[in-house]
N, C-alpha and C. Protein backbone atom coordinates (compact mmCIF):
# COMPACT_ATOMS: atom_id res chain seq x y z
N MET A 1 64.57 -3.83 57.14
CA MET A 1 65.44 -2.63 57.63
C MET A 1 64.46 -1.15 58.21
N HIS A 2 64.72 -1.14 59.27
CA HIS A 2 64.30 0.30 60.24
C HIS A 2 64.43 1.19 59.10
N GLU A 3 63.37 2.38 59.05
CA GLU A 3 63.46 3.71 58.71
C GLU A 3 64.71 4.85 59.35
N ILE A 4 65.87 4.96 58.89
CA ILE A 4 66.32 6.14 59.36
C ILE A 4 65.61 7.42 59.40
N THR A 5 65.23 8.16 60.47
CA THR A 5 64.69 9.12 60.27
C THR A 5 65.75 10.52 60.64
N ALA A 6 65.58 11.52 60.35
CA ALA A 6 66.11 12.81 60.89
C ALA A 6 66.02 13.55 62.48
N PRO A 7 66.86 13.18 63.11
CA PRO A 7 66.49 14.01 64.31
C PRO A 7 66.76 15.24 64.86
N PHE A 8 67.23 15.95 63.79
CA PHE A 8 67.80 17.40 64.07
C PHE A 8 66.77 18.73 63.73
N ASP A 9 67.27 19.56 64.35
CA ASP A 9 66.28 20.76 64.45
C ASP A 9 67.20 22.25 63.89
N LEU A 10 67.10 22.77 63.05
CA LEU A 10 67.21 23.93 62.44
C LEU A 10 67.30 24.97 63.17
N PRO A 11 67.93 26.12 63.66
CA PRO A 11 68.07 27.05 63.81
C PRO A 11 66.39 27.74 64.02
N LEU A 12 66.25 28.22 64.80
CA LEU A 12 64.88 29.39 64.22
C LEU A 12 64.88 30.13 63.24
N ALA A 13 65.99 31.40 62.96
CA ALA A 13 65.92 31.89 61.72
C ALA A 13 65.55 31.22 60.53
N ALA A 14 66.59 30.29 60.44
CA ALA A 14 66.41 29.24 59.19
C ALA A 14 64.54 28.87 58.41
N SER A 15 64.11 28.33 60.29
CA SER A 15 63.60 27.65 60.02
C SER A 15 62.09 28.80 59.47
N ALA A 16 62.35 29.86 60.27
CA ALA A 16 61.46 30.75 59.82
C ALA A 16 60.92 31.19 58.22
N ALA A 17 61.69 30.97 57.43
CA ALA A 17 61.92 31.30 56.03
C ALA A 17 60.51 30.92 55.14
N PRO A 18 59.64 31.65 54.72
CA PRO A 18 58.34 30.95 53.79
C PRO A 18 58.75 29.71 52.93
N GLY A 19 58.17 29.24 53.25
CA GLY A 19 58.09 27.67 52.89
C GLY A 19 59.38 26.64 53.13
N PHE A 20 59.69 27.13 54.13
CA PHE A 20 61.29 26.11 54.69
C PHE A 20 61.05 25.39 55.37
N ASP A 21 60.18 25.28 56.22
CA ASP A 21 59.47 24.25 56.86
C ASP A 21 58.97 23.25 56.14
N ASP A 22 58.18 23.57 55.49
CA ASP A 22 57.64 22.77 54.49
C ASP A 22 59.11 21.82 53.46
N LEU A 23 59.79 22.29 53.21
CA LEU A 23 60.99 22.24 52.28
C LEU A 23 61.92 21.05 53.22
N ILE A 24 62.15 21.36 54.58
CA ILE A 24 63.03 20.39 55.37
C ILE A 24 62.14 19.42 55.55
N GLU A 25 60.56 19.53 56.00
CA GLU A 25 59.77 18.18 56.46
C GLU A 25 59.93 17.38 54.97
N ARG A 26 60.07 17.65 54.00
CA ARG A 26 59.56 16.97 52.74
C ARG A 26 60.92 16.29 52.66
N HIS A 27 62.01 17.22 52.92
CA HIS A 27 63.22 16.07 52.70
C HIS A 27 64.46 15.93 53.74
N LYS A 28 63.91 15.73 54.84
CA LYS A 28 65.02 15.49 55.66
C LYS A 28 65.28 14.60 56.19
N THR A 29 64.74 13.25 55.51
CA THR A 29 64.98 12.31 55.97
C THR A 29 65.54 11.77 54.95
N LEU A 30 65.67 12.31 53.82
CA LEU A 30 66.49 11.92 52.35
C LEU A 30 67.83 12.16 52.56
N VAL A 31 68.07 13.74 53.14
CA VAL A 31 68.79 14.18 53.43
C VAL A 31 69.85 13.16 54.34
N PHE A 32 69.13 13.32 55.80
CA PHE A 32 69.61 12.43 56.88
C PHE A 32 70.22 11.24 56.44
N ARG A 33 69.12 10.33 56.01
CA ARG A 33 69.66 9.07 55.60
C ARG A 33 70.71 8.90 54.75
N THR A 34 71.06 10.07 53.63
CA THR A 34 72.08 9.62 52.57
C THR A 34 73.39 10.31 53.26
N ALA A 35 73.01 11.06 54.22
CA ALA A 35 74.34 11.58 55.11
C ALA A 35 74.70 10.14 55.44
N TRP A 36 74.09 9.77 56.40
CA TRP A 36 74.12 8.74 57.52
C TRP A 36 75.04 7.03 56.34
N ARG A 37 74.08 7.27 55.74
CA ARG A 37 74.91 5.85 54.66
C ARG A 37 75.80 6.25 54.13
N MET A 38 76.27 7.53 53.86
CA MET A 38 77.69 7.87 53.39
C MET A 38 79.13 7.76 53.99
N THR A 39 78.46 8.17 55.60
CA THR A 39 79.25 8.13 56.64
C THR A 39 79.48 7.15 57.65
N GLY A 40 78.17 6.67 58.03
CA GLY A 40 78.17 5.51 58.48
C GLY A 40 78.47 6.12 60.29
N ASN A 41 77.97 7.69 60.01
CA ASN A 41 78.23 8.07 61.73
C ASN A 41 76.50 9.18 62.03
N PRO A 42 75.80 9.34 62.73
CA PRO A 42 75.08 9.75 62.64
C PRO A 42 74.93 11.41 63.07
N GLU A 43 75.86 11.14 63.95
CA GLU A 43 76.30 12.69 64.39
C GLU A 43 77.13 13.18 63.47
N ASP A 44 77.65 12.93 62.51
CA ASP A 44 78.07 13.47 61.03
C ASP A 44 77.19 13.39 60.03
N ALA A 45 76.44 12.67 60.07
CA ALA A 45 75.10 12.70 59.12
C ALA A 45 74.03 13.96 59.98
N GLU A 46 74.03 14.32 61.20
CA GLU A 46 73.27 15.15 61.72
C GLU A 46 73.66 16.25 61.43
N ASP A 47 75.20 16.87 61.12
CA ASP A 47 75.80 18.22 61.11
C ASP A 47 75.72 18.25 59.74
N ILE A 48 76.06 17.05 58.61
CA ILE A 48 75.84 17.26 57.38
C ILE A 48 74.49 17.81 56.86
N ALA A 49 73.40 17.14 57.69
CA ALA A 49 71.92 17.51 56.90
C ALA A 49 71.90 19.05 57.64
N GLN A 50 72.34 19.59 58.35
CA GLN A 50 72.01 20.91 59.26
C GLN A 50 73.04 21.81 58.10
N GLU A 51 73.84 21.79 57.58
CA GLU A 51 74.48 22.22 56.75
C GLU A 51 73.83 22.53 55.44
N VAL A 52 73.17 21.22 55.00
CA VAL A 52 72.44 21.10 53.51
C VAL A 52 71.29 21.94 53.53
N PHE A 53 70.86 22.06 54.44
CA PHE A 53 69.49 23.02 54.81
C PHE A 53 69.83 24.59 55.12
N LEU A 54 71.30 24.68 55.83
CA LEU A 54 71.39 26.14 55.89
C LEU A 54 71.94 26.83 54.75
N ARG A 55 72.64 26.05 53.79
CA ARG A 55 73.30 26.14 52.53
C ARG A 55 72.04 26.39 51.66
N LEU A 56 71.20 25.50 52.30
CA LEU A 56 69.98 26.35 51.31
C LEU A 56 68.65 27.38 51.55
N HIS A 57 69.13 27.28 52.79
CA HIS A 57 68.36 29.03 53.19
C HIS A 57 69.33 29.80 53.03
N LYS A 58 70.44 29.88 52.98
CA LYS A 58 71.34 31.19 52.39
C LYS A 58 71.36 31.61 51.01
N ARG A 59 70.88 30.47 50.24
CA ARG A 59 70.59 30.20 49.03
C ARG A 59 69.31 31.08 48.59
N GLY A 60 68.28 31.12 49.35
CA GLY A 60 67.19 31.56 49.69
C GLY A 60 65.84 30.91 48.68
N ASP A 61 66.41 29.76 48.15
CA ASP A 61 65.39 28.52 47.63
C ASP A 61 64.57 27.78 48.43
N ALA A 62 63.65 27.89 48.63
CA ALA A 62 62.30 26.82 49.53
C ALA A 62 61.61 25.98 47.98
N GLU A 63 62.25 26.08 47.00
CA GLU A 63 61.45 25.15 45.84
C GLU A 63 62.86 24.28 45.62
N ALA A 64 64.13 23.96 46.13
CA ALA A 64 65.11 23.42 45.55
C ALA A 64 64.22 21.84 45.65
N THR A 65 65.57 21.32 44.33
CA THR A 65 64.99 19.83 43.76
C THR A 65 65.61 18.51 44.82
N ALA A 66 64.82 17.49 44.80
CA ALA A 66 66.23 16.42 45.21
C ALA A 66 67.21 16.29 44.91
N ALA A 67 67.40 16.35 43.51
CA ALA A 67 68.90 16.48 43.26
C ALA A 67 69.72 16.94 43.61
N TRP A 68 69.34 18.24 43.76
CA TRP A 68 70.18 19.42 44.22
C TRP A 68 70.55 19.02 45.50
N LEU A 69 69.50 18.50 46.95
CA LEU A 69 70.02 18.49 48.26
C LEU A 69 70.72 17.05 48.13
N TYR A 70 70.68 16.26 47.31
CA TYR A 70 71.36 14.96 46.78
C TYR A 70 72.92 15.52 46.62
N ARG A 71 73.07 16.06 45.94
CA ARG A 71 73.94 16.69 45.41
C ARG A 71 75.06 17.48 46.23
N ILE A 72 74.55 18.16 47.44
CA ILE A 72 74.97 18.75 48.30
C ILE A 72 75.33 17.94 49.33
N THR A 73 74.20 16.99 49.50
CA THR A 73 75.02 15.84 50.55
C THR A 73 75.86 15.38 50.68
N VAL A 74 75.74 14.67 49.40
CA VAL A 74 77.02 13.94 48.55
C VAL A 74 78.29 14.45 49.03
N ASN A 75 78.28 15.93 47.60
CA ASN A 75 79.33 16.17 48.18
C ASN A 75 79.97 16.59 50.17
N LEU A 76 79.36 17.02 50.86
CA LEU A 76 79.85 17.39 51.67
C LEU A 76 80.01 16.20 52.87
N CYS A 77 79.51 14.89 52.44
CA CYS A 77 79.49 14.20 52.98
C CYS A 77 81.08 13.27 52.32
N LEU A 78 81.48 13.36 51.26
CA LEU A 78 82.95 12.95 50.37
C LEU A 78 83.76 13.93 51.35
N ASP A 79 83.75 15.51 51.18
CA ASP A 79 84.34 16.39 52.12
C ASP A 79 84.41 15.50 53.67
N GLN A 80 83.83 15.41 54.46
CA GLN A 80 83.58 15.00 56.03
C GLN A 80 84.29 13.55 56.04
N ILE A 81 84.19 12.41 55.12
CA ILE A 81 84.97 11.37 54.86
C ILE A 81 86.73 11.50 54.65
N ARG A 82 86.67 12.58 53.80
CA ARG A 82 88.10 12.42 53.71
C ARG A 82 89.08 13.15 54.57
N LYS A 83 88.19 14.35 54.98
CA LYS A 83 88.85 15.09 56.70
C LYS A 83 88.97 13.52 57.97
N ARG A 84 87.68 13.30 57.68
CA ARG A 84 87.89 12.01 59.00
C ARG A 84 89.01 10.93 58.58
N LYS A 85 88.45 10.23 57.41
CA LYS A 85 89.35 9.11 56.75
C LYS A 85 89.03 7.71 58.06
N SER A 86 87.66 8.36 58.48
CA SER A 86 87.42 6.94 59.35
C SER A 86 86.55 5.75 58.97
N THR A 87 86.54 4.89 59.75
CA THR A 87 85.57 3.49 59.28
C THR A 87 84.30 3.73 59.65
N LEU A 88 83.68 2.80 58.99
CA LEU A 88 81.91 3.05 58.65
C LEU A 88 81.86 2.32 59.95
N GLU A 89 80.70 2.93 60.59
CA GLU A 89 80.30 2.23 61.90
C GLU A 89 78.49 2.24 61.88
N PRO A 90 78.21 1.17 61.28
CA PRO A 90 76.80 1.00 61.29
C PRO A 90 75.84 1.42 61.83
N PRO A 91 74.70 2.29 62.02
CA PRO A 91 73.89 2.50 62.77
C PRO A 91 72.88 1.59 63.39
N SER A 92 72.96 1.44 64.69
CA SER A 92 72.40 0.49 65.11
C SER A 92 70.75 -0.21 64.89
N ASP A 93 69.99 0.75 64.59
CA ASP A 93 68.88 0.70 64.35
C ASP A 93 68.35 0.38 62.66
N LEU A 94 69.48 -0.11 62.17
CA LEU A 94 69.23 -0.40 60.67
C LEU A 94 69.12 -1.95 60.66
N ALA A 95 69.40 -2.98 62.14
CA ALA A 95 69.04 -4.05 61.89
C ALA A 95 67.35 -4.17 61.74
N ALA A 96 66.93 -5.27 61.07
CA ALA A 96 65.45 -5.99 60.95
C ALA A 96 65.37 -6.60 62.27
N ALA A 97 64.13 -6.64 63.02
CA ALA A 97 64.14 -7.50 63.87
C ALA A 97 63.80 -9.44 63.16
N THR A 98 64.15 -10.19 63.59
CA THR A 98 64.77 -11.46 63.35
C THR A 98 63.69 -12.21 65.06
N PRO A 99 63.08 -13.29 64.82
CA PRO A 99 62.70 -14.37 65.41
C PRO A 99 63.77 -14.82 66.82
N THR A 100 64.88 -15.24 66.23
CA THR A 100 65.37 -15.67 67.34
C THR A 100 66.87 -14.97 67.95
N PRO A 101 67.39 -15.15 69.09
CA PRO A 101 68.73 -14.03 69.05
C PRO A 101 69.76 -14.38 68.75
N GLU A 102 69.88 -15.59 68.13
CA GLU A 102 71.00 -16.06 67.04
C GLU A 102 70.86 -15.51 65.80
N GLN A 103 69.77 -15.98 65.40
CA GLN A 103 69.53 -15.22 63.92
C GLN A 103 69.82 -13.44 63.86
N LEU A 104 69.24 -12.65 64.96
CA LEU A 104 69.57 -11.51 65.11
C LEU A 104 70.89 -11.26 65.39
N LEU A 105 71.66 -12.08 65.95
CA LEU A 105 73.28 -11.94 66.01
C LEU A 105 73.92 -11.81 64.35
N SER A 106 73.40 -12.99 64.17
CA SER A 106 74.18 -13.16 62.41
C SER A 106 73.43 -12.15 61.90
N GLN A 107 72.52 -11.74 61.97
CA GLN A 107 72.35 -10.44 61.06
C GLN A 107 72.92 -9.42 61.32
N ASN A 108 73.03 -8.94 62.39
CA ASN A 108 73.57 -7.78 62.92
C ASN A 108 75.46 -8.06 62.63
N GLN A 109 76.08 -9.05 62.33
CA GLN A 109 76.99 -9.31 62.11
C GLN A 109 77.56 -9.30 60.20
N GLN A 110 76.45 -9.89 59.66
CA GLN A 110 76.61 -9.39 58.52
C GLN A 110 76.56 -7.90 58.26
N GLN A 111 75.75 -7.33 58.44
CA GLN A 111 75.43 -6.21 58.26
C GLN A 111 76.52 -4.79 58.88
N ASP A 112 77.33 -5.50 59.68
CA ASP A 112 78.53 -4.79 60.37
C ASP A 112 79.52 -5.37 59.24
N ARG A 113 79.68 -5.90 58.93
CA ARG A 113 80.54 -6.67 58.28
C ARG A 113 80.60 -6.05 56.59
N LEU A 114 79.51 -6.11 55.97
CA LEU A 114 79.24 -5.28 55.02
C LEU A 114 79.18 -3.63 54.78
N ALA A 115 78.73 -2.90 55.99
CA ALA A 115 79.11 -1.89 56.16
C ALA A 115 80.53 -1.20 56.26
N ARG A 116 81.60 -2.23 56.89
CA ARG A 116 82.94 -2.09 57.05
C ARG A 116 82.82 -2.00 55.52
N LEU A 117 83.17 -3.07 55.01
CA LEU A 117 83.41 -3.18 53.44
C LEU A 117 82.62 -2.04 52.75
N ILE A 118 81.93 -1.38 52.72
CA ILE A 118 81.22 -0.84 51.87
C ILE A 118 81.92 0.66 52.39
N ALA A 119 82.66 0.96 53.10
CA ALA A 119 83.17 1.72 53.72
C ALA A 119 85.00 2.09 52.84
N ARG A 120 85.41 0.57 52.67
CA ARG A 120 86.41 0.51 52.37
C ARG A 120 86.56 1.01 50.43
N LEU A 121 85.30 1.24 49.80
CA LEU A 121 85.26 1.16 48.38
C LEU A 121 85.75 2.50 48.15
N PRO A 122 86.14 2.70 46.94
CA PRO A 122 86.92 4.03 46.43
C PRO A 122 85.02 5.00 46.94
N GLU A 123 85.70 6.24 46.94
CA GLU A 123 84.51 6.95 47.41
C GLU A 123 83.56 7.26 46.12
N ARG A 124 83.78 7.28 44.80
CA ARG A 124 83.04 7.45 43.75
C ARG A 124 82.05 5.70 43.48
N GLU A 125 82.62 5.06 43.94
CA GLU A 125 81.75 4.01 44.13
C GLU A 125 80.84 3.71 45.04
N ARG A 126 81.21 3.78 46.23
CA ARG A 126 80.62 4.05 47.64
C ARG A 126 79.69 5.25 47.11
N ALA A 127 79.49 6.13 46.94
CA ALA A 127 79.02 7.07 46.66
C ALA A 127 77.36 6.66 45.32
N CYS A 128 77.94 5.63 44.49
CA CYS A 128 77.15 5.56 43.43
C CYS A 128 76.14 4.78 43.92
N LEU A 129 76.86 3.52 44.82
CA LEU A 129 76.23 2.35 45.48
C LEU A 129 75.10 3.04 46.52
N VAL A 130 75.35 3.94 47.24
CA VAL A 130 74.51 4.57 48.13
C VAL A 130 73.41 5.09 47.30
N LEU A 131 73.55 5.83 46.12
CA LEU A 131 72.36 6.61 45.99
C LEU A 131 71.60 5.58 45.18
N ARG A 132 72.23 4.55 44.00
CA ARG A 132 71.40 3.54 43.46
C ARG A 132 70.33 2.81 44.20
N ASP A 133 71.86 2.11 44.55
CA ASP A 133 71.09 0.94 45.57
C ASP A 133 70.32 0.83 46.76
N LEU A 134 70.99 1.79 47.37
CA LEU A 134 70.30 1.93 49.37
C LEU A 134 69.10 3.02 49.12
N GLU A 135 69.47 3.92 48.20
CA GLU A 135 68.36 5.21 48.32
C GLU A 135 67.47 5.13 47.17
N GLY A 136 67.77 4.00 46.27
CA GLY A 136 66.38 3.72 45.07
C GLY A 136 66.73 4.84 43.88
N LEU A 137 67.63 5.65 43.96
CA LEU A 137 67.69 6.06 42.80
C LEU A 137 67.87 5.49 41.50
N THR A 138 67.45 5.88 40.50
CA THR A 138 67.78 5.46 39.09
C THR A 138 69.20 6.00 38.91
N SER A 139 69.78 5.06 37.87
CA SER A 139 71.15 5.43 37.55
C SER A 139 71.40 6.84 36.99
N ARG A 140 70.33 7.33 36.30
CA ARG A 140 70.15 8.64 35.42
C ARG A 140 69.96 9.81 36.80
N GLU A 141 69.24 9.20 37.88
CA GLU A 141 69.26 10.49 38.88
C GLU A 141 70.89 10.51 39.44
N ALA A 142 71.59 9.10 39.64
CA ALA A 142 72.59 9.43 40.90
C ALA A 142 73.86 9.44 39.58
N ALA A 143 73.59 9.99 38.31
CA ALA A 143 74.54 10.43 37.68
C ALA A 143 74.73 11.61 37.70
N ALA A 144 72.98 12.42 37.41
CA ALA A 144 73.04 13.82 37.28
C ALA A 144 73.34 14.45 38.72
N ILE A 145 73.08 13.82 39.54
CA ILE A 145 73.96 14.29 41.33
C ILE A 145 75.21 13.79 41.43
N LEU A 146 75.96 13.18 40.74
CA LEU A 146 77.29 12.99 40.80
C LEU A 146 78.12 13.63 39.30
N GLU A 147 77.32 13.82 38.47
CA GLU A 147 77.54 14.86 37.91
C GLU A 147 78.42 14.16 36.62
N CYS A 148 78.35 12.88 36.28
CA CYS A 148 78.73 11.55 35.48
C CYS A 148 77.72 11.59 35.14
N SER A 149 78.51 10.41 33.52
CA SER A 149 77.25 9.80 33.21
C SER A 149 76.60 8.27 33.90
N GLU A 150 75.66 8.16 32.67
CA GLU A 150 74.73 6.95 33.41
C GLU A 150 75.71 5.62 33.47
N GLU A 151 76.40 5.99 32.58
CA GLU A 151 77.65 4.71 32.25
C GLU A 151 78.11 4.13 33.42
N THR A 152 78.86 5.37 34.02
CA THR A 152 79.65 5.40 34.86
C THR A 152 79.15 5.11 35.87
N VAL A 153 77.93 5.32 36.25
CA VAL A 153 77.33 5.17 37.53
C VAL A 153 77.09 3.49 37.77
N ARG A 154 76.40 2.87 36.17
CA ARG A 154 76.87 1.49 36.29
C ARG A 154 77.68 0.54 36.21
N SER A 155 79.00 1.52 36.06
CA SER A 155 80.33 0.74 35.92
C SER A 155 81.19 0.81 37.19
N ALA A 156 80.21 1.75 38.01
CA ALA A 156 80.93 2.11 39.15
C ALA A 156 80.21 1.13 40.18
N ILE A 157 78.96 1.17 40.21
CA ILE A 157 78.33 -0.31 41.11
C ILE A 157 78.77 -1.59 40.89
N HIS A 158 79.19 -1.71 39.68
CA HIS A 158 79.32 -3.10 39.04
C HIS A 158 80.83 -3.36 39.56
N ARG A 159 81.39 -2.51 39.57
CA ARG A 159 82.75 -2.42 40.19
C ARG A 159 82.77 -2.73 41.71
N ALA A 160 82.00 -1.92 42.54
CA ALA A 160 81.89 -1.94 44.13
C ALA A 160 81.49 -3.28 44.35
N LYS A 161 80.20 -3.86 43.80
CA LYS A 161 79.16 -5.11 43.96
C LYS A 161 80.45 -6.23 43.44
N GLU A 162 81.74 -6.62 42.80
CA GLU A 162 82.61 -7.18 42.52
C GLU A 162 83.40 -7.06 43.71
N LYS A 163 83.87 -6.43 44.06
CA LYS A 163 84.77 -5.68 45.05
C LYS A 163 84.18 -6.52 46.67
N LEU A 164 83.02 -5.76 46.94
CA LEU A 164 82.23 -6.46 47.81
C LEU A 164 82.02 -7.94 47.66
N LYS A 165 81.38 -8.82 46.32
CA LYS A 165 81.78 -10.03 46.61
C LYS A 165 83.14 -10.74 46.75
N GLN A 166 83.73 -10.14 46.38
CA GLN A 166 85.48 -10.99 46.72
C GLN A 166 85.50 -10.42 47.99
N TRP A 167 85.53 -9.63 48.67
CA TRP A 167 85.72 -9.36 50.04
C TRP A 167 85.12 -10.00 51.05
N MET A 168 83.91 -10.47 50.46
CA MET A 168 82.89 -10.77 51.20
C MET A 168 83.19 -12.97 51.86
N SER A 169 83.69 -13.10 50.34
CA SER A 169 83.87 -14.56 50.44
C SER A 169 85.33 -15.14 51.15
């Protein structure tokens, strides 16, 4: 799977704050990748990532934690999803290179299908699945970000995986 990188630039006023450039550099990929995986749309992800860092700048905190950034990112994504009620379109650069065109086509079709199915999941299940299984956070970290218990995260992921298995068959 290719790395999703953040292609955005923030306004000069925001990036001029002391320590803010370092914060953006450390966390822009995390924020953008999470937003992309949650919304399935690189343009929405870019807008959300910019909003996250603008909110951070307004807050005046150049030492924000990754958990705070995840929480703001997920909340903005859920707001965007609710507004748009759009279907998830997988980013084209997520497909890993394969030796033959047939294998690549098959893999792309499977990724497209899985992305569409993930988009059908309820918001909580999707957020838990993205944070823990796609972003690689622990259940504890995901629970802190989503302000719920670890058991809720594990249950939501279990339900999400069961639904995905059922829908894939």
